[in-house]
Structure formats: structure tokens, C-alpha cells
PDB file of N, CA and C in Angstrom:
ATOM      1  N   MET A   1    -129.924   0.552-127.433  1.00  0.00           N
ATOM      2  CA  MET A   1    -130.022  -0.375-126.324  1.00  0.00           C
ATOM      3  C   MET A   1    -128.632  -0.891-125.993  1.00  0.00           C
ATOM      4  N   PRO A   2    -128.255  -0.856-124.691  1.00  0.00           N
ATOM      5  CA  PRO A   2    -126.926  -1.338-124.314  1.00  0.00           C
ATOM      6  C   PRO A   2    -126.834  -2.859-124.441  1.00  0.00           C
ATOM      7  N   SER A   3    -125.615  -3.331-124.636  1.00  0.00           N
ATOM      8  CA  SER A   3    -125.398  -4.773-124.732  1.00  0.00           C
ATOM      9  C   SER A   3    -125.604  -5.408-123.357  1.00  0.00           C
ATOM     10  N   ILE A   4    -125.724  -6.726-123.339  1.00  0.00           N
ATOM     11  CA  ILE A   4    -125.875  -7.439-122.075  1.00  0.00           C
ATOM     12  C   ILE A   4    -124.652  -7.203-121.190  1.00  0.00           C
ATOM     13  N   LEU A   5    -123.459  -7.226-121.775  1.00  0.00           N
ATOM     14  CA  LEU A   5    -122.245  -7.005-120.993  1.00  0.00           C
ATOM     15  C   LEU A   5    -122.200  -5.600-120.401  1.00  0.00           C
ATOM     16  N   GLU A   6    -122.635  -4.600-121.173  1.00  0.00           N
ATOM     17  CA  GLU A   6    -122.682  -3.232-120.654  1.00  0.00           C
ATOM     18  C   GLU A   6    -123.694  -3.126-119.512  1.00  0.00           C
ATOM     19  N   SER A   7    -124.838  -3.754-119.687  1.00  0.00           N
ATOM     20  CA  SER A   7    -125.853  -3.733-118.633  1.00  0.00           C
ATOM     21  C   SER A   7    -125.349  -4.415-117.369  1.00  0.00           C
ATOM     22  N   LEU A   8    -124.643  -5.525-117.545  1.00  0.00           N
ATOM     23  CA  LEU A   8    -124.063  -6.230-116.407  1.00  0.00           C
ATOM     24  C   LEU A   8    -123.031  -5.346-115.708  1.00  0.00           C
ATOM     25  N   TYR A   9    -122.168  -4.708-116.475  1.00  0.00           N
ATOM     26  CA  TYR A   9    -121.133  -3.840-115.912  1.00  0.00           C
ATOM     27  C   TYR A   9    -121.734  -2.684-115.121  1.00  0.00           C
ATOM     28  N   HIS A  10    -122.781  -2.080-115.667  1.00  0.00           N
ATOM     29  CA  HIS A  10    -123.401  -0.916-115.028  1.00  0.00           C
ATOM     30  C   HIS A  10    -124.396  -1.297-113.932  1.00  0.00           C
ATOM     31  N   GLY A  11    -124.565  -2.580-113.704  1.00  0.00           N
ATOM     32  CA  GLY A  11    -125.453  -3.024-112.632  1.00  0.00           C
ATOM     33  C   GLY A  11    -126.932  -2.833-112.942  1.00  0.00           C
ATOM     34  N   SER A  12    -127.271  -2.834-114.217  1.00  0.00           N
ATOM     35  CA  SER A  12    -128.673  -2.629-114.592  1.00  0.00           C
ATOM     36  C   SER A  12    -129.295  -3.862-115.229  1.00  0.00           C
ATOM     37  N   LEU A  13    -128.711  -5.004-114.989  1.00  0.00           N
ATOM     38  CA  LEU A  13    -129.228  -6.259-115.546  1.00  0.00           C
ATOM     39  C   LEU A  13    -129.941  -7.022-114.424  1.00  0.00           C
ATOM     40  N   PHE A  14    -131.263  -7.122-114.524  1.00  0.00           N
ATOM     41  CA  PHE A  14    -132.074  -7.787-113.515  1.00  0.00           C
ATOM     42  C   PHE A  14    -133.043  -8.752-114.192  1.00  0.00           C
ATOM     43  N   PRO A  15    -132.546  -9.891-114.699  1.00  0.00           N
ATOM     44  CA  PRO A  15    -133.428 -10.798-115.437  1.00  0.00           C
ATOM     45  C   PRO A  15    -134.556 -11.363-114.587  1.00  0.00           C
ATOM     46  N   ASN A  16    -134.336 -11.486-113.268  1.00  0.00           N
ATOM     47  CA  ASN A  16    -135.379 -12.044-112.422  1.00  0.00           C
ATOM     48  C   ASN A  16    -136.616 -11.146-112.344  1.00  0.00           C
ATOM     49  N   GLU A  17    -136.494  -9.880-112.682  1.00  0.00           N
ATOM     50  CA  GLU A  17    -137.643  -8.976-112.656  1.00  0.00           C
ATOM     51  C   GLU A  17    -138.569  -9.197-113.848  1.00  0.00           C
ATOM     52  N   HIS A  18    -138.099  -9.918-114.840  1.00  0.00           N
ATOM     53  CA  HIS A  18    -138.891 -10.135-116.050  1.00  0.00           C
ATOM     54  C   HIS A  18    -139.388 -11.567-116.181  1.00  0.00           C
ATOM     55  N   VAL A  19    -139.086 -12.386-115.172  1.00  0.00           N
ATOM     56  CA  VAL A  19    -139.458 -13.791-115.237  1.00  0.00           C
ATOM     57  C   VAL A  19    -140.867 -13.988-114.685  1.00  0.00           C
ATOM     58  N   ILE A  20    -141.709 -14.549-115.505  1.00  0.00           N
ATOM     59  CA  ILE A  20    -143.042 -14.957-115.082  1.00  0.00           C
ATOM     60  C   ILE A  20    -143.163 -16.418-115.482  1.00  0.00           C
ATOM     61  N   PRO A  21    -143.291 -17.304-114.485  1.00  0.00           N
ATOM     62  CA  PRO A  21    -143.378 -18.725-114.823  1.00  0.00           C
ATOM     63  C   PRO A  21    -144.494 -19.001-115.830  1.00  0.00           C
ATOM     64  N   LYS A  22    -144.209 -19.889-116.763  1.00  0.00           N
ATOM     65  CA  LYS A  22    -145.185 -20.226-117.807  1.00  0.00           C
ATOM     66  C   LYS A  22    -146.021 -21.447-117.430  1.00  0.00           C
ATOM     67  N   ASP A  23    -145.708 -22.033-116.283  1.00  0.00           N
ATOM     68  CA  ASP A  23    -146.467 -23.182-115.811  1.00  0.00           C
ATOM     69  C   ASP A  23    -147.919 -22.757-115.581  1.00  0.00           C
ATOM     70  N   SER A  24    -148.835 -23.518-116.108  1.00  0.00           N
ATOM     71  CA  SER A  24    -150.259 -23.160-116.006  1.00  0.00           C
ATOM     72  C   SER A  24    -150.763 -23.194-114.562  1.00  0.00           C
ATOM     73  N   ASN A  25    -150.044 -23.833-113.681  1.00  0.00           N
ATOM     74  CA  ASN A  25    -150.449 -23.895-112.270  1.00  0.00           C
ATOM     75  C   ASN A  25    -149.993 -22.681-111.462  1.00  0.00           C
ATOM     76  N   TYR A  26    -149.125 -21.851-112.043  1.00  0.00           N
ATOM     77  CA  TYR A  26    -148.532 -20.744-111.291  1.00  0.00           C
ATOM     78  C   TYR A  26    -149.577 -19.762-110.763  1.00  0.00           C
ATOM     79  N   ARG A  27    -150.385 -19.226-111.625  1.00  0.00           N
ATOM     80  CA  ARG A  27    -151.364 -18.217-111.193  1.00  0.00           C
ATOM     81  C   ARG A  27    -152.408 -18.777-110.228  1.00  0.00           C
ATOM     82  N   PRO A  28    -152.976 -19.973-110.507  1.00  0.00           N
ATOM     83  CA  PRO A  28    -153.932 -20.517-109.534  1.00  0.00           C
ATOM     84  C   PRO A  28    -153.309 -20.769-108.149  1.00  0.00           C
ATOM     85  N   LEU A  29    -152.079 -21.272-108.130  1.00  0.00           N
ATOM     86  CA  LEU A  29    -151.418 -21.500-106.854  1.00  0.00           C
ATOM     87  C   LEU A  29    -151.135 -20.190-106.130  1.00  0.00           C
ATOM     88  N   ASN A  30    -150.710 -19.195-106.876  1.00  0.00           N
ATOM     89  CA  ASN A  30    -150.455 -17.883-106.284  1.00  0.00           C
ATOM     90  C   ASN A  30    -151.739 -17.303-105.695  1.00  0.00           C
ATOM     91  N   LYS A  31    -152.831 -17.481-106.413  1.00  0.00           N
ATOM     92  CA  LYS A  31    -154.133 -17.007-105.924  1.00  0.00           C
ATOM     93  C   LYS A  31    -154.519 -17.735-104.644  1.00  0.00           C
ATOM     94  N   GLN A  32    -154.270 -19.043-104.595  1.00  0.00           N
ATOM     95  CA  GLN A  32    -154.565 -19.819-103.395  1.00  0.00           C
ATOM     96  C   GLN A  32    -153.746 -19.337-102.206  1.00  0.00           C
ATOM     97  N   ILE A  33    -152.496 -19.007-102.441  1.00  0.00           N
ATOM     98  CA  ILE A  33    -151.636 -18.496-101.366  1.00  0.00           C
ATOM     99  C   ILE A  33    -152.206 -17.192-100.817  1.00  0.00           C
ATOM    100  N   ILE A  34    -152.567 -16.289-101.698  1.00  0.00           N
ATOM    101  CA  ILE A  34    -153.117 -14.994-101.272  1.00  0.00           C
ATOM    102  C   ILE A  34    -154.403 -15.194-100.481  1.00  0.00           C
ATOM    103  N   GLU A  35    -155.278 -16.060-100.982  1.00  0.00           N
ATOM    104  CA  GLU A  35    -156.539 -16.326-100.282  1.00  0.00           C
ATOM    105  C   GLU A  35    -156.295 -16.967 -98.919  1.00  0.00           C
ATOM    106  N   SER A  36    -155.329 -17.875 -98.851  1.00  0.00           N
ATOM    107  CA  SER A  36    -155.006 -18.525 -97.589  1.00  0.00           C
ATOM    108  C   SER A  36    -154.459 -17.529 -96.574  1.00  0.00           C
ATOM    109  N   ILE A  37    -153.615 -16.641 -97.020  1.00  0.00           N
ATOM    110  CA  ILE A  37    -153.062 -15.624 -96.120  1.00  0.00           C
ATOM    111  C   ILE A  37    -154.187 -14.746 -95.581  1.00  0.00           C
ATOM    112  N   GLU A  38    -155.108 -14.357 -96.439  1.00  0.00           N
ATOM    113  CA  GLU A  38    -156.240 -13.549 -95.987  1.00  0.00           C
ATOM    114  C   GLU A  38    -157.109 -14.321 -94.981  1.00  0.00           C
ATOM    115  N   THR A  39    -157.292 -15.614 -95.201  1.00  0.00           N
ATOM    116  CA  THR A  39    -158.056 -16.439 -94.264  1.00  0.00           C
ATOM    117  C   THR A  39    -157.372 -16.479 -92.904  1.00  0.00           C
ATOM    118  N   TRP A  40    -156.054 -16.709 -92.911  1.00  0.00           N
ATOM    119  CA  TRP A  40    -155.317 -16.747 -91.651  1.00  0.00           C
ATOM    120  C   TRP A  40    -155.321 -15.388 -90.957  1.00  0.00           C
ATOM    121  N   LYS A  41    -155.318 -14.337 -91.737  1.00  0.00           N
ATOM    122  CA  LYS A  41    -155.369 -12.986 -91.145  1.00  0.00           C
ATOM    123  C   LYS A  41    -156.655 -12.807 -90.347  1.00  0.00           C
ATOM    124  N   GLY A  42    -157.751 -13.374 -90.849  1.00  0.00           N
ATOM    125  CA  GLY A  42    -159.026 -13.291 -90.133  1.00  0.00           C
ATOM    126  C   GLY A  42    -159.104 -14.206 -88.925  1.00  0.00           C
ATOM    127  N   LYS A  43    -158.367 -15.319 -88.935  1.00  0.00           N
ATOM    128  CA  LYS A  43    -158.420 -16.294 -87.853  1.00  0.00           C
ATOM    129  C   LYS A  43    -157.488 -15.959 -86.692  1.00  0.00           C
ATOM    130  N   LEU A  44    -156.363 -15.349 -86.996  1.00  0.00           N
ATOM    131  CA  LEU A  44    -155.334 -15.106 -85.985  1.00  0.00           C
ATOM    132  C   LEU A  44    -155.450 -13.722 -85.372  1.00  0.00           C
ATOM    133  N   SER A  45    -154.922 -13.604 -84.163  1.00  0.00           N
ATOM    134  CA  SER A  45    -154.807 -12.271 -83.570  1.00  0.00           C
ATOM    135  C   SER A  45    -153.791 -11.480 -84.383  1.00  0.00           C
ATOM    136  N   GLN A  46    -153.781 -10.174 -84.183  1.00  0.00           N
ATOM    137  CA  GLN A  46    -152.848  -9.337 -84.938  1.00  0.00           C
ATOM    138  C   GLN A  46    -151.404  -9.756 -84.663  1.00  0.00           C
ATOM    139  N   GLY A  47    -151.074 -10.045 -83.401  1.00  0.00           N
ATOM    140  CA  GLY A  47    -149.717 -10.458 -83.046  1.00  0.00           C
ATOM    141  C   GLY A  47    -149.332 -11.792 -83.669  1.00  0.00           C
ATOM    142  N   ASP A  48    -150.265 -12.745 -83.624  1.00  0.00           N
ATOM    143  CA  ASP A  48    -149.991 -14.053 -84.233  1.00  0.00           C
ATOM    144  C   ASP A  48    -149.831 -13.938 -85.748  1.00  0.00           C
ATOM    145  N   PHE A  49    -150.659 -13.089 -86.362  1.00  0.00           N
ATOM    146  CA  PHE A  49    -150.550 -12.923 -87.812  1.00  0.00           C
ATOM    147  C   PHE A  49    -149.226 -12.263 -88.183  1.00  0.00           C
ATOM    148  N   GLU A  50    -148.773 -11.327 -87.369  1.00  0.00           N
ATOM    149  CA  GLU A  50    -147.472 -10.692 -87.629  1.00  0.00           C
ATOM    150  C   GLU A  50    -146.348 -11.715 -87.519  1.00  0.00           C
ATOM    151  N   GLU A  51    -146.464 -12.667 -86.572  1.00  0.00           N
ATOM    152  CA  GLU A  51    -145.468 -13.734 -86.467  1.00  0.00           C
ATOM    153  C   GLU A  51    -145.501 -14.618 -87.710  1.00  0.00           C
ATOM    154  N   LEU A  52    -146.701 -14.915 -88.197  1.00  0.00           N
ATOM    155  CA  LEU A  52    -146.829 -15.712 -89.425  1.00  0.00           C
ATOM    156  C   LEU A  52    -146.202 -14.967 -90.601  1.00  0.00           C
ATOM    157  N   GLU A  53    -146.475 -13.664 -90.709  1.00  0.00           N
ATOM    158  CA  GLU A  53    -145.878 -12.871 -91.792  1.00  0.00           C
ATOM    159  C   GLU A  53    -144.354 -12.883 -91.698  1.00  0.00           C
ATOM    160  N   SER A  54    -143.833 -12.822 -90.479  1.00  0.00           N
ATOM    161  CA  SER A  54    -142.381 -12.853 -90.282  1.00  0.00           C
ATOM    162  C   SER A  54    -141.821 -14.196 -90.740  1.00  0.00           C
ATOM    163  N   LEU A  55    -142.507 -15.278 -90.376  1.00  0.00           N
ATOM    164  CA  LEU A  55    -142.087 -16.607 -90.810  1.00  0.00           C
ATOM    165  C   LEU A  55    -142.110 -16.712 -92.332  1.00  0.00           C
ATOM    166  N   LEU A  56    -143.160 -16.210 -92.963  1.00  0.00           N
ATOM    167  CA  LEU A  56    -143.256 -16.249 -94.422  1.00  0.00           C
ATOM    168  C   LEU A  56    -142.159 -15.415 -95.070  1.00  0.00           C
ATOM    169  N   GLU A  57    -141.779 -14.311 -94.441  1.00  0.00           N
ATOM    170  CA  GLU A  57    -140.688 -13.485 -94.963  1.00  0.00           C
ATOM    171  C   GLU A  57    -139.363 -14.236 -94.886  1.00  0.00           C
ATOM    172  N   PHE A  58    -139.124 -14.942 -93.773  1.00  0.00           N
ATOM    173  CA  PHE A  58    -137.911 -15.759 -93.663  1.00  0.00           C
ATOM    174  C   PHE A  58    -137.892 -16.817 -94.756  1.00  0.00           C
ATOM    175  N   TYR A  59    -139.031 -17.474 -94.952  1.00  0.00           N
ATOM    176  CA  TYR A  59    -139.128 -18.501 -95.985  1.00  0.00           C
ATOM    177  C   TYR A  59    -138.835 -17.908 -97.362  1.00  0.00           C
ATOM    178  N   SER A  60    -139.365 -16.727 -97.610  1.00  0.00           N
ATOM    179  CA  SER A  60    -139.145 -16.060 -98.897  1.00  0.00           C
ATOM    180  C   SER A  60    -137.659 -15.743 -99.099  1.00  0.00           C
ATOM    181  N   GLN A  61    -136.995 -15.323 -98.038  1.00  0.00           N
ATOM    182  CA  GLN A  61    -135.569 -15.025 -98.143  1.00  0.00           C
ATOM    183  C   GLN A  61    -134.765 -16.290 -98.447  1.00  0.00           C
ATOM    184  N   VAL A  62    -135.100 -17.394 -97.772  1.00  0.00           N
ATOM    185  CA  VAL A  62    -134.404 -18.658 -98.019  1.00  0.00           C
ATOM    186  C   VAL A  62    -134.677 -19.136 -99.443  1.00  0.00           C
ATOM    187  N   GLN A  63    -135.920 -19.009 -99.883  1.00  0.00           N
ATOM    188  CA  GLN A  63    -136.275 -19.409-101.240  1.00  0.00           C
ATOM    189  C   GLN A  63    -135.483 -18.583-102.254  1.00  0.00           C
ATOM    190  N   GLY A  64    -135.323 -17.295-102.000  1.00  0.00           N
ATOM    191  CA  GLY A  64    -134.522 -16.443-102.877  1.00  0.00           C
ATOM    192  C   GLY A  64    -133.074 -16.883-102.932  1.00  0.00           C
ATOM    193  N   MET A  65    -132.534 -17.298-101.783  1.00  0.00           N
ATOM    194  CA  MET A  65    -131.155 -17.792-101.750  1.00  0.00           C
ATOM    195  C   MET A  65    -131.029 -19.087-102.543  1.00  0.00           C
ATOM    196  N   ASP A  66    -132.018 -19.966-102.392  1.00  0.00           N
ATOM    197  CA  ASP A  66    -132.020 -21.210-103.172  1.00  0.00           C
ATOM    198  C   ASP A  66    -132.064 -20.920-104.667  1.00  0.00           C
ATOM    199  N   MET A  67    -132.913 -19.984-105.066  1.00  0.00           N
ATOM    200  CA  MET A  67    -133.041 -19.645-106.479  1.00  0.00           C
ATOM    201  C   MET A  67    -131.747 -19.038-107.015  1.00  0.00           C
ATOM    202  N   THR A  68    -131.109 -18.193-106.211  1.00  0.00           N
ATOM    203  CA  THR A  68    -129.842 -17.585-106.611  1.00  0.00           C
ATOM    204  C   THR A  68    -128.773 -18.658-106.806  1.00  0.00           C
ATOM    205  N   ALA A  69    -128.683 -19.590-105.849  1.00  0.00           N
ATOM    206  CA  ALA A  69    -127.683 -20.663-105.948  1.00  0.00           C
ATOM    207  C   ALA A  69    -127.953 -21.539-107.175  1.00  0.00           C
ATOM    208  N   ALA A  70    -129.224 -21.830-107.446  1.00  0.00           N
ATOM    209  CA  ALA A  70    -129.566 -22.651-108.616  1.00  0.00           C
ATOM    210  C   ALA A  70    -129.208 -21.923-109.906  1.00  0.00           C
ATOM    211  N   PHE A  71    -129.462 -20.610-109.943  1.00  0.00           N
ATOM    212  CA  PHE A  71    -129.117 -19.814-111.127  1.00  0.00           C
ATOM    213  C   PHE A  71    -127.609 -19.833-111.359  1.00  0.00           C
ATOM    214  N   VAL A  72    -126.845 -19.585-110.298  1.00  0.00           N
ATOM    215  CA  VAL A  72    -125.384 -19.545-110.420  1.00  0.00           C
ATOM    216  C   VAL A  72    -124.851 -20.906-110.874  1.00  0.00           C
ATOM    217  N   CYS A  73    -125.367 -21.969-110.273  1.00  0.00           N
ATOM    218  CA  CYS A  73    -124.933 -23.315-110.656  1.00  0.00           C
ATOM    219  C   CYS A  73    -125.277 -23.596-112.122  1.00  0.00           C
ATOM    220  N   GLY A  74    -126.476 -23.244-112.531  1.00  0.00           N
ATOM    221  CA  GLY A  74    -126.879 -23.462-113.922  1.00  0.00           C
ATOM    222  C   GLY A  74    -126.044 -22.656-114.899  1.00  0.00           C
ATOM    223  N   LEU A  75    -125.760 -21.412-114.542  1.00  0.00           N
ATOM    224  CA  LEU A  75    -124.952 -20.563-115.410  1.00  0.00           C
ATOM    225  C   LEU A  75    -123.527 -21.106-115.526  1.00  0.00           C
ATOM    226  N   LYS A  76    -122.967 -21.534-114.403  1.00  0.00           N
ATOM    227  CA  LYS A  76    -121.617 -22.099-114.435  1.00  0.00           C
ATOM    228  C   LYS A  76    -121.578 -23.385-115.264  1.00  0.00           C
ATOM    229  N   THR A  77    -122.602 -24.209-115.119  1.00  0.00           N
ATOM    230  CA  THR A  77    -122.669 -25.440-115.902  1.00  0.00           C
ATOM    231  C   THR A  77    -122.770 -25.113-117.384  1.00  0.00           C
ATOM    232  N   GLY A  78    -123.601 -24.152-117.728  1.00  0.00           N
ATOM    233  CA  GLY A  78    -123.737 -23.742-119.130  1.00  0.00           C
ATOM    234  C   GLY A  78    -122.441 -23.172-119.678  1.00  0.00           C
ATOM    235  N   ALA A  79    -121.759 -22.356-118.874  1.00  0.00           N
ATOM    236  CA  ALA A  79    -120.478 -21.792-119.313  1.00  0.00           C
ATOM    237  C   ALA A  79    -119.434 -22.895-119.490  1.00  0.00           C
ATOM    238  N   ALA A  80    -119.416 -23.854-118.569  1.00  0.00           N
ATOM    239  CA  ALA A  80    -118.471 -24.964-118.690  1.00  0.00           C
ATOM    240  C   ALA A  80    -118.757 -25.779-119.948  1.00  0.00           C
ATOM    241  N   MET A  81    -120.022 -25.961-120.261  1.00  0.00           N
ATOM    242  CA  MET A  81    -120.387 -26.677-121.491  1.00  0.00           C
ATOM    243  C   MET A  81    -119.892 -25.915-122.716  1.00  0.00           C
ATOM    244  N   MET A  82    -120.071 -24.597-122.713  1.00  0.00           N
ATOM    245  CA  MET A  82    -119.619 -23.792-123.854  1.00  0.00           C
ATOM    246  C   MET A  82    -118.101 -23.862-124.006  1.00  0.00           C
ATOM    247  N   ILE A  83    -117.385 -23.824-122.884  1.00  0.00           N
ATOM    248  CA  ILE A  83    -115.927 -23.931-122.948  1.00  0.00           C
ATOM    249  C   ILE A  83    -115.532 -25.279-123.534  1.00  0.00           C
ATOM    250  N   GLU A  84    -116.173 -26.340-123.051  1.00  0.00           N
ATOM    251  CA  GLU A  84    -115.866 -27.673-123.569  1.00  0.00           C
ATOM    252  C   GLU A  84    -116.174 -27.764-125.058  1.00  0.00           C
ATOM    253  N   ILE A  85    -117.283 -27.195-125.472  1.00  0.00           N
ATOM    254  CA  ILE A  85    -117.664 -27.220-126.887  1.00  0.00           C
ATOM    255  C   ILE A  85    -116.655 -26.454-127.734  1.00  0.00           C
ATOM    256  N   LEU A  86    -116.250 -25.290-127.270  1.00  0.00           N
ATOM    257  CA  LEU A  86    -115.350 -24.441-128.051  1.00  0.00           C
ATOM    258  C   LEU A  86    -113.913 -24.940-128.032  1.00  0.00           C
ATOM    259  N   VAL A  87    -113.500 -25.629-126.980  1.00  0.00           N
ATOM    260  CA  VAL A  87    -112.127 -26.100-126.854  1.00  0.00           C
ATOM    261  C   VAL A  87    -111.938 -27.472-127.482  1.00  0.00           C
ATOM    262  N   ASP A  88    -112.957 -28.301-127.438  1.00  0.00           N
ATOM    263  CA  ASP A  88    -112.880 -29.670-127.954  1.00  0.00           C
ATOM    264  C   ASP A  88    -112.601 -29.650-129.439  1.00  0.00           C
ATOM    265  N   ASP A  89    -111.602 -30.409-129.844  1.00  0.00           N
ATOM    266  CA  ASP A  89    -111.234 -30.503-131.252  1.00  0.00           C
ATOM    267  C   ASP A  89    -111.879 -31.739-131.852  1.00  0.00           C
ATOM    268  N   CYS A  90    -112.992 -31.557-132.508  1.00  0.00           N
ATOM    269  CA  CYS A  90    -113.737 -32.681-133.098  1.00  0.00           C
ATOM    270  C   CYS A  90    -113.005 -33.285-134.295  1.00  0.00           C
ATOM    271  N   SER A  91    -112.139 -32.538-134.930  1.00  0.00           N
ATOM    272  CA  SER A  91    -111.488 -33.051-136.139  1.00  0.00           C
ATOM    273  C   SER A  91    -110.532 -34.196-135.841  1.00  0.00           C
ATOM    274  N   SER A  92    -110.067 -34.306-134.599  1.00  0.00           N
ATOM    275  CA  SER A  92    -109.125 -35.380-134.263  1.00  0.00           C
ATOM    276  C   SER A  92    -109.811 -36.639-133.799  1.00  0.00           C
ATOM    277  N   LYS A  93    -111.140 -36.630-133.733  1.00  0.00           N
ATOM    278  CA  LYS A  93    -111.873 -37.799-133.259  1.00  0.00           C
ATOM    279  C   LYS A  93    -112.552 -38.506-134.422  1.00  0.00           C
ATOM    280  N   SER A  94    -112.592 -39.804-134.315  1.00  0.00           N
ATOM    281  CA  SER A  94    -113.331 -40.560-135.327  1.00  0.00           C
ATOM    282  C   SER A  94    -114.568 -41.142-134.661  1.00  0.00           C
ATOM    283  N   TYR A  95    -115.697 -40.948-135.266  1.00  0.00           N
ATOM    284  CA  TYR A  95    -116.964 -41.431-134.710  1.00  0.00           C
ATOM    285  C   TYR A  95    -117.497 -42.561-135.541  1.00  0.00           C
TER     286      TYR A  95
END
């Protein structure tokens, strides 16, 4: 198995493909979304439903951008914490 750094270098590291939220509300909410979309599909004309699907796709793209920005910010914060931990000289401090 390649290391994480090798996977990152080769462009084969996709952690978001393995993430399944552990929140107990995730699956029921997802089911509600699917059922709601099917309900709207029956209520709307084909053209109106296609517009709704387009709107939902835009929302999904924005949500993906938000998630990407949050991931990058969290990773940078974690890396900064590690740098501070590794650079900080605790032996010179008195607690």
C-alpha cells in the first residue's frame, strides 16, 4: 500500500469518497430529500422540474466549494498547531 504522501503526489488520494457522516440524522434526512424530490417531480411540469434540478445542482456545487474551503482551513489550522507544538520549547517555560 502506498504512503499517504505517495498517494497525494500521484493524485490518487480522495478522502471525501470514503466519508459517510456518522450523525444518526444523516440517512433519514437524505431519504426525506429523495422523497421530496420525487414528490416535486410529480407536481411540476417537466420543464419546471428541470429548472429545479438545475437549481439543486448549483446549490450542490456551492456546498462543495464551502466544504472544500472548510477542509482547507481546518487542515491549515491543524498544520499550524503542529508547527507550534513542534517548535515551542517547553523546557524554557515554568508552569
